[in-house]
Amino acid sequence: IPNNIESQVKQKNELDNWIISELNSLIIQVENYYNDYEPTKVCRSISEFVQEKLSNWYVRLSRRRFWKGEYNLDKISAFQTLFECLITILKISSPISPFFSERLYINLCENTKYEKFESVHLSNFPTYKQIYRNLDLEICMNKARIISSLVLSIRKKEKIKVRQPLSKILVPVINSKEKKSIERFQDIILSETNVKNIEIINEKN
């Protein structure tokens, strides 16, 4: 992991930029909950981010980048991004999970020499960075997540296994902006649901 873990946004792909944007959204949300003395809401926010966005989406969609191919810039970006997420999560979790966060933080820093703080509780609390925030990207990617989840739920309900390809799915939209947001990550939806085509419909269809 390079010393400057916060690579330029333009050097990252959209999946990296999305999770970093979501991470900064989480930072500001958690900070507000701490200021309001709402540790339960902090736990829920961090849990949702780690399980639904980081693990079930980012890491899963990046598996090939982590394990396949040469050690190129794309792979470095994937590792940098994941490392940044882990370090940040440990720091924002440390007030409510002091011992677990401490152990993992020390392990990560000892192996990478990223920071020289003796404890996660002595490190700087993460700060929200507007430059890494992209609300439009968050909306588009989360639409892809929701659509994929719905399609997989319907498959399960109808007992159609994912390995069986489907010719198309119908996705209703209310305007052209919503249509473009779906088309932006259409390839991800098709890959996740094993569908060959997405037919977007609206009131004019």
C-alpha atoms as a PDB file:
ATOM      1  CA  ILE A   1       0.000   0.000   0.000  1.00  0.00           C
ATOM      2  CA  PRO A   2       1.559   3.343  -1.005  1.00  0.00           C
ATOM      3  CA  ASN A   3       2.071   5.948   1.706  1.00  0.00           C
ATOM      4  CA  ASN A   4      -0.392   8.322   0.040  1.00  0.00           C
ATOM      5  CA  ILE A   5      -3.461   6.134   0.311  1.00  0.00           C
ATOM      6  CA  GLU A   6      -5.874   8.821  -0.911  1.00  0.00           C
ATOM      7  CA  SER A   7      -5.216   8.453  -4.631  1.00  0.00           C
ATOM      8  CA  GLN A   8      -6.590  11.067  -6.988  1.00  0.00           C
ATOM      9  CA  VAL A   9     -10.245  10.440  -7.744  1.00  0.00           C
ATOM     10  CA  LYS A  10      -9.615  10.499 -11.501  1.00  0.00           C
ATOM     11  CA  GLN A  11      -7.224   7.560 -11.152  1.00  0.00           C
ATOM     12  CA  LYS A  12      -9.873   5.327  -9.604  1.00  0.00           C
ATOM     13  CA  ASN A  13     -12.650   3.515 -11.422  1.00  0.00           C
ATOM     14  CA  GLU A  14     -16.314   4.236 -10.716  1.00  0.00           C
ATOM     15  CA  LEU A  15     -16.670   1.381  -8.243  1.00  0.00           C
ATOM     16  CA  ASP A  16     -13.782   2.762  -6.169  1.00  0.00           C
ATOM     17  CA  ASN A  17     -15.117   6.293  -6.383  1.00  0.00           C
ATOM     18  CA  TRP A  18     -18.560   5.083  -5.315  1.00  0.00           C
ATOM     19  CA  ILE A  19     -17.421   3.316  -2.144  1.00  0.00           C
ATOM     20  CA  ILE A  20     -15.169   6.257  -1.189  1.00  0.00           C
ATOM     21  CA  SER A  21     -18.108   8.610  -1.683  1.00  0.00           C
ATOM     22  CA  GLU A  22     -20.272   6.338   0.477  1.00  0.00           C
ATOM     23  CA  LEU A  23     -17.476   6.235   3.057  1.00  0.00           C
ATOM     24  CA  ASN A  24     -17.460  10.017   3.310  1.00  0.00           C
ATOM     25  CA  SER A  25     -21.239  10.013   3.602  1.00  0.00           C
ATOM     26  CA  LEU A  26     -20.833   7.559   6.469  1.00  0.00           C
ATOM     27  CA  ILE A  27     -18.218   9.742   8.180  1.00  0.00           C
ATOM     28  CA  ILE A  28     -20.481  12.786   8.330  1.00  0.00           C
ATOM     29  CA  GLN A  29     -23.468  10.675   9.367  1.00  0.00           C
ATOM     30  CA  VAL A  30     -21.572   8.945  12.174  1.00  0.00           C
ATOM     31  CA  GLU A  31     -20.103  12.222  13.385  1.00  0.00           C
ATOM     32  CA  ASN A  32     -23.583  13.712  13.657  1.00  0.00           C
ATOM     33  CA  TYR A  33     -24.840  10.659  15.579  1.00  0.00           C
ATOM     34  CA  TYR A  34     -21.928  10.863  17.999  1.00  0.00           C
ATOM     35  CA  ASN A  35     -22.620  14.544  18.576  1.00  0.00           C
ATOM     36  CA  ASP A  36     -26.241  13.664  19.331  1.00  0.00           C
ATOM     37  CA  TYR A  37     -25.168  10.848  21.716  1.00  0.00           C
ATOM     38  CA  GLU A  38     -26.773   8.179  19.537  1.00  0.00           C
ATOM     39  CA  PRO A  39     -24.362   5.187  19.654  1.00  0.00           C
ATOM     40  CA  THR A  40     -27.056   2.748  18.501  1.00  0.00           C
ATOM     41  CA  LYS A  41     -27.535   4.711  15.280  1.00  0.00           C
ATOM     42  CA  VAL A  42     -23.757   4.764  14.838  1.00  0.00           C
ATOM     43  CA  CYS A  43     -23.671   0.965  15.057  1.00  0.00           C
ATOM     44  CA  ARG A  44     -26.490   0.555  12.571  1.00  0.00           C
ATOM     45  CA  SER A  45     -24.940   2.943  10.060  1.00  0.00           C
ATOM     46  CA  ILE A  46     -21.533   1.274  10.206  1.00  0.00           C
ATOM     47  CA  SER A  47     -23.081  -2.191  10.054  1.00  0.00           C
ATOM     48  CA  GLU A  48     -25.140  -1.321   6.979  1.00  0.00           C
ATOM     49  CA  PHE A  49     -22.120   0.159   5.231  1.00  0.00           C
ATOM     50  CA  VAL A  50     -19.838  -2.800   5.984  1.00  0.00           C
ATOM     51  CA  GLN A  51     -22.334  -5.545   5.205  1.00  0.00           C
ATOM     52  CA  GLU A  52     -24.412  -4.183   2.345  1.00  0.00           C
ATOM     53  CA  LYS A  53     -22.099  -1.767   0.560  1.00  0.00           C
ATOM     54  CA  LEU A  54     -18.509  -2.748   1.305  1.00  0.00           C
ATOM     55  CA  SER A  55     -18.755  -6.533   1.625  1.00  0.00           C
ATOM     56  CA  ASN A  56     -21.806  -7.590  -0.391  1.00  0.00           C
ATOM     57  CA  TRP A  57     -21.216  -5.147  -3.219  1.00  0.00           C
ATOM     58  CA  TYR A  58     -17.762  -3.533  -3.464  1.00  0.00           C
ATOM     59  CA  VAL A  59     -15.599  -6.473  -2.395  1.00  0.00           C
ATOM     60  CA  ARG A  60     -17.714  -9.012  -4.255  1.00  0.00           C
ATOM     61  CA  LEU A  61     -17.659  -7.023  -7.509  1.00  0.00           C
ATOM     62  CA  SER A  62     -13.920  -6.396  -7.106  1.00  0.00           C
ATOM     63  CA  ARG A  63     -12.882 -10.006  -6.521  1.00  0.00           C
ATOM     64  CA  ARG A  64     -11.373 -10.363  -9.980  1.00  0.00           C
ATOM     65  CA  ARG A  65      -9.396  -7.151  -9.476  1.00  0.00           C
ATOM     66  CA  PHE A  66      -7.989  -8.467  -6.199  1.00  0.00           C
ATOM     67  CA  TRP A  67      -7.023 -11.946  -7.346  1.00  0.00           C
ATOM     68  CA  LYS A  68      -6.663 -11.994 -11.127  1.00  0.00           C
ATOM     69  CA  GLY A  69      -4.164 -10.454 -13.505  1.00  0.00           C
ATOM     70  CA  GLU A  70      -0.999  -8.467 -12.988  1.00  0.00           C
ATOM     71  CA  TYR A  71      -0.239  -6.079 -10.159  1.00  0.00           C
ATOM     72  CA  ASN A  72      -1.278  -3.045 -12.204  1.00  0.00           C
ATOM     73  CA  LEU A  73      -2.725   0.358 -11.345  1.00  0.00           C
ATOM     74  CA  ASP A  74      -6.285  -0.969 -11.238  1.00  0.00           C
ATOM     75  CA  LYS A  75      -5.375  -3.649  -8.716  1.00  0.00           C
ATOM     76  CA  ILE A  76      -3.400  -1.148  -6.640  1.00  0.00           C
ATOM     77  CA  SER A  77      -6.394   1.187  -6.659  1.00  0.00           C
ATOM     78  CA  ALA A  78      -8.667  -1.638  -5.451  1.00  0.00           C
ATOM     79  CA  PHE A  79      -6.336  -2.503  -2.567  1.00  0.00           C
ATOM     80  CA  GLN A  80      -5.845   1.172  -1.671  1.00  0.00           C
ATOM     81  CA  THR A  81      -9.582   1.743  -1.630  1.00  0.00           C
ATOM     82  CA  LEU A  82     -10.332  -1.296   0.525  1.00  0.00           C
ATOM     83  CA  PHE A  83      -7.528  -0.399   2.934  1.00  0.00           C
ATOM     84  CA  GLU A  84      -8.802   3.158   3.254  1.00  0.00           C
ATOM     85  CA  CYS A  85     -12.300   1.869   4.021  1.00  0.00           C
ATOM     86  CA  LEU A  86     -11.025  -0.547   6.676  1.00  0.00           C
ATOM     87  CA  ILE A  87      -8.827   2.009   8.425  1.00  0.00           C
ATOM     88  CA  THR A  88     -11.618   4.589   8.441  1.00  0.00           C
ATOM     89  CA  ILE A  89     -14.194   2.111   9.744  1.00  0.00           C
ATOM     90  CA  LEU A  90     -11.902   1.105  12.598  1.00  0.00           C
ATOM     91  CA  LYS A  91     -11.391   4.719  13.593  1.00  0.00           C
ATOM     92  CA  ILE A  92     -15.062   5.677  13.574  1.00  0.00           C
ATOM     93  CA  SER A  93     -15.933   2.423  15.379  1.00  0.00           C
ATOM     94  CA  SER A  94     -13.316   2.791  18.101  1.00  0.00           C
ATOM     95  CA  PRO A  95     -15.499   4.766  20.578  1.00  0.00           C
ATOM     96  CA  ILE A  96     -18.145   2.001  20.598  1.00  0.00           C
ATOM     97  CA  SER A  97     -15.908  -1.003  19.903  1.00  0.00           C
ATOM     98  CA  PRO A  98     -12.598  -0.068  21.549  1.00  0.00           C
ATOM     99  CA  PHE A  99     -10.820  -3.424  21.836  1.00  0.00           C
ATOM    100  CA  PHE A 100     -11.789  -4.984  18.498  1.00  0.00           C
ATOM    101  CA  SER A 101     -10.952  -1.767  16.628  1.00  0.00           C
ATOM    102  CA  GLU A 102      -7.649  -1.496  18.475  1.00  0.00           C
ATOM    103  CA  ARG A 103      -6.507  -5.012  17.589  1.00  0.00           C
ATOM    104  CA  LEU A 104      -7.338  -4.716  13.889  1.00  0.00           C
ATOM    105  CA  TYR A 105      -5.925  -1.205  13.609  1.00  0.00           C
ATOM    106  CA  ILE A 106      -2.592  -2.268  15.090  1.00  0.00           C
ATOM    107  CA  ASN A 107      -2.434  -5.307  12.820  1.00  0.00           C
ATOM    108  CA  LEU A 108      -3.050  -3.215   9.707  1.00  0.00           C
ATOM    109  CA  CYS A 109      -0.582  -0.484  10.634  1.00  0.00           C
ATOM    110  CA  GLU A 110       2.162  -2.863  11.764  1.00  0.00           C
ATOM    111  CA  ASN A 111       2.075  -4.662   8.433  1.00  0.00           C
ATOM    112  CA  THR A 112       1.799  -1.599   6.195  1.00  0.00           C
ATOM    113  CA  LYS A 113       3.604   1.096   8.243  1.00  0.00           C
ATOM    114  CA  TYR A 114       0.748   3.368   7.251  1.00  0.00           C
ATOM    115  CA  GLU A 115       0.516   5.237  10.567  1.00  0.00           C
ATOM    116  CA  LYS A 116       2.780   5.360  13.608  1.00  0.00           C
ATOM    117  CA  PHE A 117       0.183   5.940  16.302  1.00  0.00           C
ATOM    118  CA  GLU A 118       0.470   3.463  19.169  1.00  0.00           C
ATOM    119  CA  SER A 119      -3.287   3.095  19.344  1.00  0.00           C
ATOM    120  CA  VAL A 120      -6.349   3.734  17.222  1.00  0.00           C
ATOM    121  CA  HIS A 121      -7.567   5.898  20.111  1.00  0.00           C
ATOM    122  CA  LEU A 122      -4.584   8.202  19.615  1.00  0.00           C
ATOM    123  CA  SER A 123      -5.086   8.516  15.872  1.00  0.00           C
ATOM    124  CA  ASN A 124      -6.927  11.341  14.174  1.00  0.00           C
ATOM    125  CA  PHE A 125     -10.654  10.868  13.785  1.00  0.00           C
ATOM    126  CA  PRO A 126     -11.576  10.770  10.063  1.00  0.00           C
ATOM    127  CA  THR A 127     -12.821  14.007   8.559  1.00  0.00           C
ATOM    128  CA  TYR A 128     -15.422  14.415   5.855  1.00  0.00           C
ATOM    129  CA  LYS A 129     -13.908  15.412   2.486  1.00  0.00           C
ATOM    130  CA  GLN A 130     -16.271  17.037   0.001  1.00  0.00           C
ATOM    131  CA  ILE A 131     -13.890  16.372  -2.901  1.00  0.00           C
ATOM    132  CA  TYR A 132     -14.533  12.623  -2.607  1.00  0.00           C
ATOM    133  CA  ARG A 133     -18.308  12.973  -2.412  1.00  0.00           C
ATOM    134  CA  ASN A 134     -20.363  12.232  -5.530  1.00  0.00           C
ATOM    135  CA  LEU A 135     -24.087  12.093  -4.795  1.00  0.00           C
ATOM    136  CA  ASP A 136     -25.033  11.362  -8.398  1.00  0.00           C
ATOM    137  CA  LEU A 137     -22.709   8.368  -8.436  1.00  0.00           C
ATOM    138  CA  GLU A 138     -24.134   7.131  -5.131  1.00  0.00           C
ATOM    139  CA  ILE A 139     -27.694   7.371  -6.466  1.00  0.00           C
ATOM    140  CA  CYS A 140     -26.871   5.533  -9.707  1.00  0.00           C
ATOM    141  CA  MET A 141     -24.930   2.735  -8.033  1.00  0.00           C
ATOM    142  CA  ASN A 142     -27.535   2.258  -5.340  1.00  0.00           C
ATOM    143  CA  LYS A 143     -30.243   1.977  -8.011  1.00  0.00           C
ATOM    144  CA  ALA A 144     -28.183  -0.815  -9.548  1.00  0.00           C
ATOM    145  CA  ARG A 145     -27.958  -2.495  -6.136  1.00  0.00           C
ATOM    146  CA  ILE A 146     -31.706  -2.211  -5.543  1.00  0.00           C
ATOM    147  CA  ILE A 147     -32.660  -3.478  -9.001  1.00  0.00           C
ATOM    148  CA  SER A 148     -30.248  -6.412  -8.715  1.00  0.00           C
ATOM    149  CA  SER A 149     -31.637  -7.291  -5.308  1.00  0.00           C
ATOM    150  CA  LEU A 150     -35.234  -7.155  -6.540  1.00  0.00           C
ATOM    151  CA  VAL A 151     -34.484  -9.316  -9.570  1.00  0.00           C
ATOM    152  CA  LEU A 152     -32.719 -11.896  -7.423  1.00  0.00           C
ATOM    153  CA  SER A 153     -35.642 -11.865  -4.980  1.00  0.00           C
ATOM    154  CA  ILE A 154     -38.093 -12.508  -7.813  1.00  0.00           C
ATOM    155  CA  ARG A 155     -35.887 -15.323  -9.082  1.00  0.00           C
ATOM    156  CA  LYS A 156     -35.922 -16.886  -5.634  1.00  0.00           C
ATOM    157  CA  LYS A 157     -39.681 -16.489  -5.296  1.00  0.00           C
ATOM    158  CA  GLU A 158     -40.299 -18.049  -8.712  1.00  0.00           C
ATOM    159  CA  LYS A 159     -37.645 -20.720  -8.059  1.00  0.00           C
ATOM    160  CA  ILE A 160     -35.556 -19.716 -11.080  1.00  0.00           C
ATOM    161  CA  LYS A 161     -31.911 -20.295 -10.235  1.00  0.00           C
ATOM    162  CA  VAL A 162     -29.380 -17.567 -10.991  1.00  0.00           C
ATOM    163  CA  ARG A 163     -27.354 -19.829 -13.250  1.00  0.00           C
ATOM    164  CA  GLN A 164     -30.330 -19.981 -15.619  1.00  0.00           C
ATOM    165  CA  PRO A 165     -30.086 -16.926 -17.931  1.00  0.00           C
ATOM    166  CA  LEU A 166     -33.132 -14.783 -18.613  1.00  0.00           C
ATOM    167  CA  SER A 167     -33.718 -12.949 -21.888  1.00  0.00           C
ATOM    168  CA  LYS A 168     -34.732  -9.625 -20.320  1.00  0.00           C
ATOM    169  CA  ILE A 169     -36.179  -7.758 -17.365  1.00  0.00           C
ATOM    170  CA  LEU A 170     -38.593  -4.815 -17.428  1.00  0.00           C
ATOM    171  CA  VAL A 171     -37.648  -1.792 -15.316  1.00  0.00           C
ATOM    172  CA  PRO A 172     -40.147   1.090 -14.985  1.00  0.00           C
ATOM    173  CA  VAL A 173     -38.841   4.671 -14.762  1.00  0.00           C
ATOM    174  CA  ILE A 174     -40.544   8.009 -14.236  1.00  0.00           C
ATOM    175  CA  ASN A 175     -38.222  10.280 -16.251  1.00  0.00           C
ATOM    176  CA  SER A 176     -35.176  10.384 -18.522  1.00  0.00           C
ATOM    177  CA  LYS A 177     -32.818  11.160 -15.626  1.00  0.00           C
ATOM    178  CA  GLU A 178     -33.795   7.952 -13.870  1.00  0.00           C
ATOM    179  CA  LYS A 179     -33.380   6.069 -17.152  1.00  0.00           C
ATOM    180  CA  LYS A 180     -29.833   7.374 -17.587  1.00  0.00           C
ATOM    181  CA  SER A 181     -28.948   6.473 -13.993  1.00  0.00           C
ATOM    182  CA  ILE A 182     -29.986   2.860 -14.652  1.00  0.00           C
ATOM    183  CA  GLU A 183     -28.192   2.707 -17.993  1.00  0.00           C
ATOM    184  CA  ARG A 184     -24.982   3.936 -16.355  1.00  0.00           C
ATOM    185  CA  PHE A 185     -24.501   0.627 -14.519  1.00  0.00           C
ATOM    186  CA  GLN A 186     -26.574  -1.597 -16.753  1.00  0.00           C
ATOM    187  CA  ASP A 187     -23.674  -4.011 -17.287  1.00  0.00           C
ATOM    188  CA  ILE A 188     -23.368  -4.590 -13.536  1.00  0.00           C
ATOM    189  CA  ILE A 189     -27.092  -5.333 -13.218  1.00  0.00           C
ATOM    190  CA  LEU A 190     -27.005  -7.766 -16.132  1.00  0.00           C
ATOM    191  CA  SER A 191     -23.957  -9.542 -14.729  1.00  0.00           C
ATOM    192  CA  GLU A 192     -25.343  -9.779 -11.197  1.00  0.00           C
ATOM    193  CA  THR A 193     -28.729 -11.107 -12.263  1.00  0.00           C
ATOM    194  CA  ASN A 194     -27.665 -13.205 -15.275  1.00  0.00           C
ATOM    195  CA  VAL A 195     -30.020 -11.373 -17.601  1.00  0.00           C
ATOM    196  CA  LYS A 196     -29.232 -10.600 -21.243  1.00  0.00           C
ATOM    197  CA  ASN A 197     -31.078  -7.315 -21.606  1.00  0.00           C
ATOM    198  CA  ILE A 198     -32.847  -4.571 -19.641  1.00  0.00           C
ATOM    199  CA  GLU A 199     -35.973  -3.030 -21.182  1.00  0.00           C
ATOM    200  CA  ILE A 200     -36.662   0.330 -19.599  1.00  0.00           C
ATOM    201  CA  ILE A 201     -40.318   1.362 -19.730  1.00  0.00           C
ATOM    202  CA  ASN A 202     -42.172   4.551 -18.862  1.00  0.00           C
ATOM    203  CA  GLU A 203     -45.608   6.081 -19.386  1.00  0.00           C
ATOM    204  CA  LYS A 204     -44.877   6.695 -23.064  1.00  0.00           C
ATOM    205  CA  ASN A 205     -44.135   3.015 -23.784  1.00  0.00           C
END
